[in-house]
N, C-alpha and C. Protein backbone atom coordinates (compact mmCIF):
# COMPACT_ATOMS: atom_id res chain seq x y z
N THR A 1 12.88 -4.09 -5.20
CA THR A 1 13.03 -4.64 -6.53
C THR A 1 11.98 -4.03 -7.45
N PRO A 2 12.35 -3.51 -8.59
CA PRO A 2 11.37 -2.94 -9.51
C PRO A 2 10.31 -3.96 -9.90
N GLY A 3 9.06 -3.50 -9.92
CA GLY A 3 7.94 -4.37 -10.32
C GLY A 3 7.40 -5.25 -9.21
N GLN A 4 8.01 -5.20 -8.03
CA GLN A 4 7.55 -6.04 -6.92
C GLN A 4 6.28 -5.47 -6.32
N VAL A 5 5.39 -6.36 -5.88
CA VAL A 5 4.14 -5.96 -5.24
C VAL A 5 4.33 -5.95 -3.73
N ILE A 6 3.83 -4.92 -3.08
CA ILE A 6 3.90 -4.80 -1.62
C ILE A 6 2.48 -4.58 -1.10
N LEU A 7 2.13 -5.30 -0.06
CA LEU A 7 0.83 -5.13 0.57
C LEU A 7 0.98 -4.48 1.93
N LEU A 8 0.04 -3.63 2.27
CA LEU A 8 -0.03 -3.03 3.60
C LEU A 8 -1.30 -3.58 4.23
N ILE A 9 -1.15 -4.41 5.28
CA ILE A 9 -2.31 -5.06 5.89
C ILE A 9 -2.36 -4.76 7.38
N LYS A 10 -3.55 -4.81 7.94
CA LYS A 10 -3.73 -4.51 9.36
C LYS A 10 -3.54 -5.75 10.23
N ASN A 11 -4.03 -6.91 9.76
CA ASN A 11 -4.01 -8.11 10.57
C ASN A 11 -3.76 -9.31 9.68
N GLU A 12 -2.62 -9.96 9.84
CA GLU A 12 -2.24 -11.06 8.95
C GLU A 12 -3.25 -12.20 8.98
N ALA A 13 -3.69 -12.61 10.17
CA ALA A 13 -4.65 -13.73 10.27
C ALA A 13 -5.97 -13.39 9.60
N ALA A 14 -6.48 -12.19 9.83
CA ALA A 14 -7.74 -11.78 9.22
C ALA A 14 -7.60 -11.68 7.70
N PHE A 15 -6.46 -11.19 7.24
CA PHE A 15 -6.21 -11.07 5.81
C PHE A 15 -6.22 -12.45 5.15
N LYS A 16 -5.53 -13.41 5.76
CA LYS A 16 -5.48 -14.77 5.21
C LYS A 16 -6.88 -15.38 5.16
N ALA A 17 -7.65 -15.20 6.22
CA ALA A 17 -9.00 -15.76 6.27
C ALA A 17 -9.91 -15.12 5.22
N GLU A 18 -9.84 -13.81 5.09
CA GLU A 18 -10.71 -13.08 4.15
C GLU A 18 -10.45 -13.46 2.71
N TYR A 19 -9.17 -13.62 2.34
CA TYR A 19 -8.82 -13.85 0.94
C TYR A 19 -8.38 -15.28 0.63
N GLY A 20 -8.51 -16.18 1.58
CA GLY A 20 -8.17 -17.57 1.33
C GLY A 20 -6.70 -17.80 1.06
N VAL A 21 -5.86 -16.95 1.64
CA VAL A 21 -4.41 -17.06 1.45
C VAL A 21 -3.86 -17.98 2.53
N LYS A 22 -3.15 -19.03 2.13
CA LYS A 22 -2.58 -19.97 3.10
C LYS A 22 -1.26 -19.46 3.67
N SER A 23 -0.46 -18.83 2.81
CA SER A 23 0.85 -18.37 3.24
C SER A 23 1.16 -17.03 2.58
N LEU A 24 1.85 -16.19 3.32
CA LEU A 24 2.31 -14.92 2.77
C LEU A 24 3.81 -14.94 2.54
N SER A 25 4.39 -16.14 2.52
CA SER A 25 5.85 -16.25 2.42
C SER A 25 6.40 -15.73 1.10
N GLU A 26 5.60 -15.70 0.04
CA GLU A 26 6.11 -15.24 -1.25
C GLU A 26 5.61 -13.84 -1.60
N ILE A 27 4.99 -13.18 -0.63
CA ILE A 27 4.46 -11.84 -0.83
C ILE A 27 5.18 -10.91 0.13
N THR A 28 5.61 -9.75 -0.35
CA THR A 28 6.18 -8.75 0.53
C THR A 28 5.02 -7.95 1.12
N TYR A 29 4.93 -7.94 2.43
CA TYR A 29 3.85 -7.19 3.06
C TYR A 29 4.34 -6.57 4.36
N PHE A 30 3.62 -5.55 4.75
CA PHE A 30 3.89 -4.87 6.01
C PHE A 30 2.61 -4.90 6.82
N GLU A 31 2.73 -5.31 8.06
CA GLU A 31 1.59 -5.35 8.97
C GLU A 31 1.85 -4.33 10.06
N TRP A 32 0.91 -3.43 10.27
CA TRP A 32 1.11 -2.47 11.35
C TRP A 32 0.30 -2.91 12.55
N LEU A 33 0.81 -2.62 13.73
CA LEU A 33 0.23 -3.13 14.96
C LEU A 33 -0.53 -2.09 15.76
N VAL A 34 -0.26 -0.82 15.51
CA VAL A 34 -0.89 0.24 16.29
C VAL A 34 -1.50 1.26 15.33
N GLY A 35 -2.70 1.73 15.65
CA GLY A 35 -3.34 2.75 14.83
C GLY A 35 -3.99 2.16 13.60
N SER A 36 -4.46 3.04 12.74
CA SER A 36 -5.10 2.60 11.50
C SER A 36 -5.11 3.74 10.50
N LEU A 37 -5.37 3.38 9.25
CA LEU A 37 -5.60 4.39 8.23
C LEU A 37 -7.07 4.77 8.34
N SER A 38 -7.35 6.05 8.46
CA SER A 38 -8.72 6.48 8.71
C SER A 38 -9.32 7.25 7.55
N ASN A 39 -8.73 7.15 6.37
CA ASN A 39 -9.21 7.88 5.19
C ASN A 39 -9.16 9.38 5.41
N GLY A 40 -8.25 9.84 6.24
CA GLY A 40 -8.19 11.24 6.56
C GLY A 40 -6.97 11.95 6.00
N GLY A 41 -6.42 11.46 4.92
CA GLY A 41 -5.28 12.13 4.30
C GLY A 41 -3.93 11.63 4.78
N GLU A 42 -3.88 10.43 5.38
CA GLU A 42 -2.58 9.88 5.77
C GLU A 42 -1.69 9.76 4.53
N LYS A 43 -0.40 9.72 4.76
CA LYS A 43 0.56 9.66 3.65
C LYS A 43 1.56 8.53 3.84
N PRO A 44 1.13 7.27 3.66
CA PRO A 44 2.11 6.18 3.74
C PRO A 44 3.16 6.36 2.65
N GLU A 45 4.43 6.13 3.00
CA GLU A 45 5.49 6.24 2.02
C GLU A 45 6.40 5.02 2.04
N LEU A 46 6.98 4.79 0.90
CA LEU A 46 7.97 3.73 0.73
C LEU A 46 9.32 4.43 0.64
N GLN A 47 10.26 4.02 1.52
CA GLN A 47 11.58 4.63 1.56
C GLN A 47 12.66 3.56 1.45
N MET A 48 13.81 3.98 1.02
CA MET A 48 14.97 3.08 1.01
C MET A 48 16.09 3.75 1.79
N PRO A 49 16.96 2.94 2.39
CA PRO A 49 18.06 3.53 3.15
C PRO A 49 19.00 4.32 2.25
N GLY A 50 19.42 5.46 2.75
CA GLY A 50 20.39 6.29 2.05
C GLY A 50 21.69 6.36 2.84
N ASP A 51 22.39 7.46 2.70
CA ASP A 51 23.67 7.65 3.37
C ASP A 51 23.49 7.90 4.87
N ILE A 52 24.59 7.81 5.59
CA ILE A 52 24.62 8.16 7.00
C ILE A 52 25.22 9.56 7.09
N ASN A 53 24.52 10.46 7.80
CA ASN A 53 24.98 11.84 7.87
C ASN A 53 26.13 11.99 8.88
N ALA A 54 26.64 13.21 9.03
CA ALA A 54 27.78 13.49 9.90
C ALA A 54 27.50 13.17 11.36
N GLN A 55 26.23 13.16 11.77
CA GLN A 55 25.85 12.83 13.14
C GLN A 55 25.64 11.32 13.34
N GLY A 56 25.91 10.54 12.30
CA GLY A 56 25.78 9.09 12.40
C GLY A 56 24.36 8.58 12.23
N GLN A 57 23.46 9.43 11.73
CA GLN A 57 22.07 9.04 11.54
C GLN A 57 21.83 8.61 10.10
N ARG A 58 21.11 7.51 9.95
CA ARG A 58 20.76 7.01 8.61
C ARG A 58 19.74 7.95 7.99
N GLN A 59 19.96 8.33 6.75
CA GLN A 59 19.01 9.13 5.99
C GLN A 59 18.20 8.17 5.10
N TYR A 60 16.97 8.52 4.84
CA TYR A 60 16.11 7.67 4.00
C TYR A 60 15.63 8.47 2.79
N ILE A 61 15.51 7.78 1.67
CA ILE A 61 15.11 8.38 0.41
C ILE A 61 13.71 7.90 0.06
N ARG A 62 12.80 8.85 -0.14
CA ARG A 62 11.43 8.47 -0.50
C ARG A 62 11.40 7.92 -1.91
N ILE A 63 10.80 6.74 -2.06
CA ILE A 63 10.64 6.11 -3.36
C ILE A 63 9.25 6.43 -3.91
N ASP A 64 8.26 6.36 -3.04
CA ASP A 64 6.88 6.60 -3.45
C ASP A 64 6.07 7.00 -2.23
N ARG A 65 4.95 7.67 -2.47
CA ARG A 65 4.06 8.07 -1.38
C ARG A 65 2.65 8.17 -1.94
N VAL A 66 1.68 7.88 -1.08
CA VAL A 66 0.28 8.02 -1.44
C VAL A 66 -0.41 8.85 -0.37
N SER A 67 -1.13 9.89 -0.78
CA SER A 67 -1.98 10.63 0.15
C SER A 67 -3.28 9.85 0.28
N TYR A 68 -3.37 9.05 1.33
CA TYR A 68 -4.48 8.11 1.51
C TYR A 68 -5.75 8.86 1.90
N ASP A 69 -6.77 8.80 1.03
CA ASP A 69 -8.04 9.47 1.30
C ASP A 69 -9.13 8.72 0.55
N ASP A 70 -10.37 8.98 0.90
CA ASP A 70 -11.49 8.30 0.26
C ASP A 70 -12.45 9.27 -0.42
N LYS A 71 -11.95 10.42 -0.79
CA LYS A 71 -12.78 11.43 -1.46
C LYS A 71 -12.34 11.58 -2.91
N ALA A 72 -13.31 11.92 -3.78
CA ALA A 72 -13.00 12.17 -5.18
C ALA A 72 -11.92 13.25 -5.27
N PRO A 73 -11.00 13.12 -6.20
CA PRO A 73 -11.05 12.28 -7.39
C PRO A 73 -10.57 10.84 -7.18
N TRP A 74 -10.16 10.48 -5.95
CA TRP A 74 -9.78 9.10 -5.67
C TRP A 74 -11.02 8.22 -5.72
N PRO A 75 -10.86 6.92 -6.06
CA PRO A 75 -12.02 6.03 -6.04
C PRO A 75 -12.65 6.00 -4.64
N THR A 76 -13.95 6.17 -4.55
CA THR A 76 -14.63 6.20 -3.26
C THR A 76 -15.21 4.84 -2.87
N GLU A 77 -15.30 3.91 -3.82
CA GLU A 77 -15.91 2.61 -3.55
C GLU A 77 -15.18 1.79 -2.48
N PRO A 78 -13.85 1.88 -2.34
CA PRO A 78 -13.18 1.08 -1.31
C PRO A 78 -13.48 1.51 0.13
N ASP A 79 -14.28 2.54 0.32
CA ASP A 79 -14.58 3.04 1.66
C ASP A 79 -15.72 2.23 2.30
N GLY A 80 -15.40 1.03 2.78
CA GLY A 80 -16.36 0.23 3.53
C GLY A 80 -17.31 -0.61 2.71
N THR A 81 -17.12 -0.70 1.39
CA THR A 81 -18.04 -1.48 0.56
C THR A 81 -17.49 -2.86 0.22
N GLY A 82 -16.30 -3.20 0.72
CA GLY A 82 -15.71 -4.50 0.42
C GLY A 82 -14.74 -4.47 -0.75
N GLN A 83 -14.70 -3.36 -1.48
CA GLN A 83 -13.75 -3.24 -2.58
C GLN A 83 -12.40 -2.80 -2.03
N SER A 84 -11.38 -3.02 -2.84
CA SER A 84 -10.05 -2.59 -2.40
C SER A 84 -9.52 -1.53 -3.34
N LEU A 85 -8.62 -0.71 -2.82
CA LEU A 85 -7.93 0.28 -3.65
C LEU A 85 -6.73 -0.45 -4.25
N THR A 86 -6.69 -0.53 -5.56
CA THR A 86 -5.73 -1.37 -6.26
C THR A 86 -4.99 -0.58 -7.33
N LYS A 87 -3.72 -0.86 -7.44
CA LYS A 87 -2.91 -0.28 -8.51
C LYS A 87 -2.79 -1.37 -9.58
N PRO A 88 -3.43 -1.20 -10.75
CA PRO A 88 -3.39 -2.24 -11.79
C PRO A 88 -1.96 -2.58 -12.20
N ALA A 89 -1.75 -3.83 -12.59
CA ALA A 89 -0.41 -4.31 -12.94
C ALA A 89 0.26 -3.43 -13.99
N ALA A 90 -0.50 -2.93 -14.95
CA ALA A 90 0.09 -2.10 -16.01
C ALA A 90 0.61 -0.77 -15.47
N LYS A 91 0.20 -0.41 -14.23
CA LYS A 91 0.61 0.87 -13.66
C LYS A 91 1.49 0.71 -12.42
N HIS A 92 1.94 -0.52 -12.12
CA HIS A 92 2.76 -0.75 -10.92
C HIS A 92 4.00 0.12 -10.87
N ASN A 93 4.58 0.43 -12.01
CA ASN A 93 5.83 1.20 -12.00
C ASN A 93 5.59 2.72 -12.05
N LEU A 94 4.34 3.15 -12.02
CA LEU A 94 4.04 4.57 -12.06
C LEU A 94 3.87 5.12 -10.65
N TYR A 95 4.05 6.43 -10.50
CA TYR A 95 4.02 7.09 -9.20
C TYR A 95 2.71 6.83 -8.47
N GLY A 96 2.79 6.51 -7.19
CA GLY A 96 1.62 6.13 -6.39
C GLY A 96 0.69 7.26 -6.04
N ASN A 97 1.17 8.49 -6.03
CA ASN A 97 0.33 9.58 -5.57
C ASN A 97 -0.41 10.26 -6.72
N ASP A 98 -0.67 9.52 -7.79
CA ASP A 98 -1.45 10.01 -8.91
C ASP A 98 -2.73 9.20 -9.00
N VAL A 99 -3.86 9.84 -8.83
CA VAL A 99 -5.16 9.16 -8.81
C VAL A 99 -5.39 8.32 -10.07
N GLU A 100 -4.81 8.73 -11.18
CA GLU A 100 -4.98 7.99 -12.44
C GLU A 100 -4.36 6.59 -12.38
N ASN A 101 -3.49 6.33 -11.41
CA ASN A 101 -2.80 5.05 -11.33
C ASN A 101 -3.47 4.06 -10.38
N TRP A 102 -4.67 4.39 -9.89
CA TRP A 102 -5.40 3.55 -8.94
C TRP A 102 -6.83 3.31 -9.41
N GLN A 103 -7.41 2.20 -8.94
CA GLN A 103 -8.80 1.92 -9.24
C GLN A 103 -9.41 1.11 -8.10
N ALA A 104 -10.74 1.12 -8.05
CA ALA A 104 -11.44 0.26 -7.10
C ALA A 104 -11.55 -1.12 -7.72
N ALA A 105 -11.34 -2.15 -6.91
CA ALA A 105 -11.43 -3.53 -7.39
C ALA A 105 -12.51 -4.27 -6.63
N VAL A 106 -13.50 -4.79 -7.36
CA VAL A 106 -14.57 -5.56 -6.74
C VAL A 106 -14.01 -6.87 -6.20
N THR A 107 -13.12 -7.47 -6.97
CA THR A 107 -12.47 -8.72 -6.56
C THR A 107 -11.00 -8.43 -6.36
N PRO A 108 -10.59 -8.15 -5.12
CA PRO A 108 -9.18 -7.88 -4.86
C PRO A 108 -8.30 -9.06 -5.24
N THR A 109 -7.09 -8.78 -5.67
CA THR A 109 -6.11 -9.80 -6.03
C THR A 109 -4.86 -9.58 -5.20
N PRO A 110 -4.95 -9.83 -3.89
CA PRO A 110 -3.82 -9.52 -3.01
C PRO A 110 -2.54 -10.21 -3.39
N GLY A 111 -1.51 -9.41 -3.58
CA GLY A 111 -0.18 -9.95 -3.84
C GLY A 111 0.09 -10.32 -5.27
N THR A 112 -0.84 -10.01 -6.20
CA THR A 112 -0.60 -10.36 -7.61
C THR A 112 -0.63 -9.12 -8.46
């Protein structure tokens, strides 16, 4: 849905405890169970289902992608200082892989 906020979290229980969130029922989030983002240039992407090809395989269409890193020109403060990498509300509809659309947030606002 256009304008919807999505969170990528490592551990639901830890996330709730850290941010005082009682329920995530009204927030779209993805929790991964294996591995981690290591600030080494990972590229998480958001995809939507597309057509099924002649071999019967579902194709996916990339909606957005971020080259996840902690080096300038990206904000470096979220690298272990307690700040979060945040896309301000005014820029939610802009492409994710543009450093100008992100900022470090001293007070994260998860899901808003």
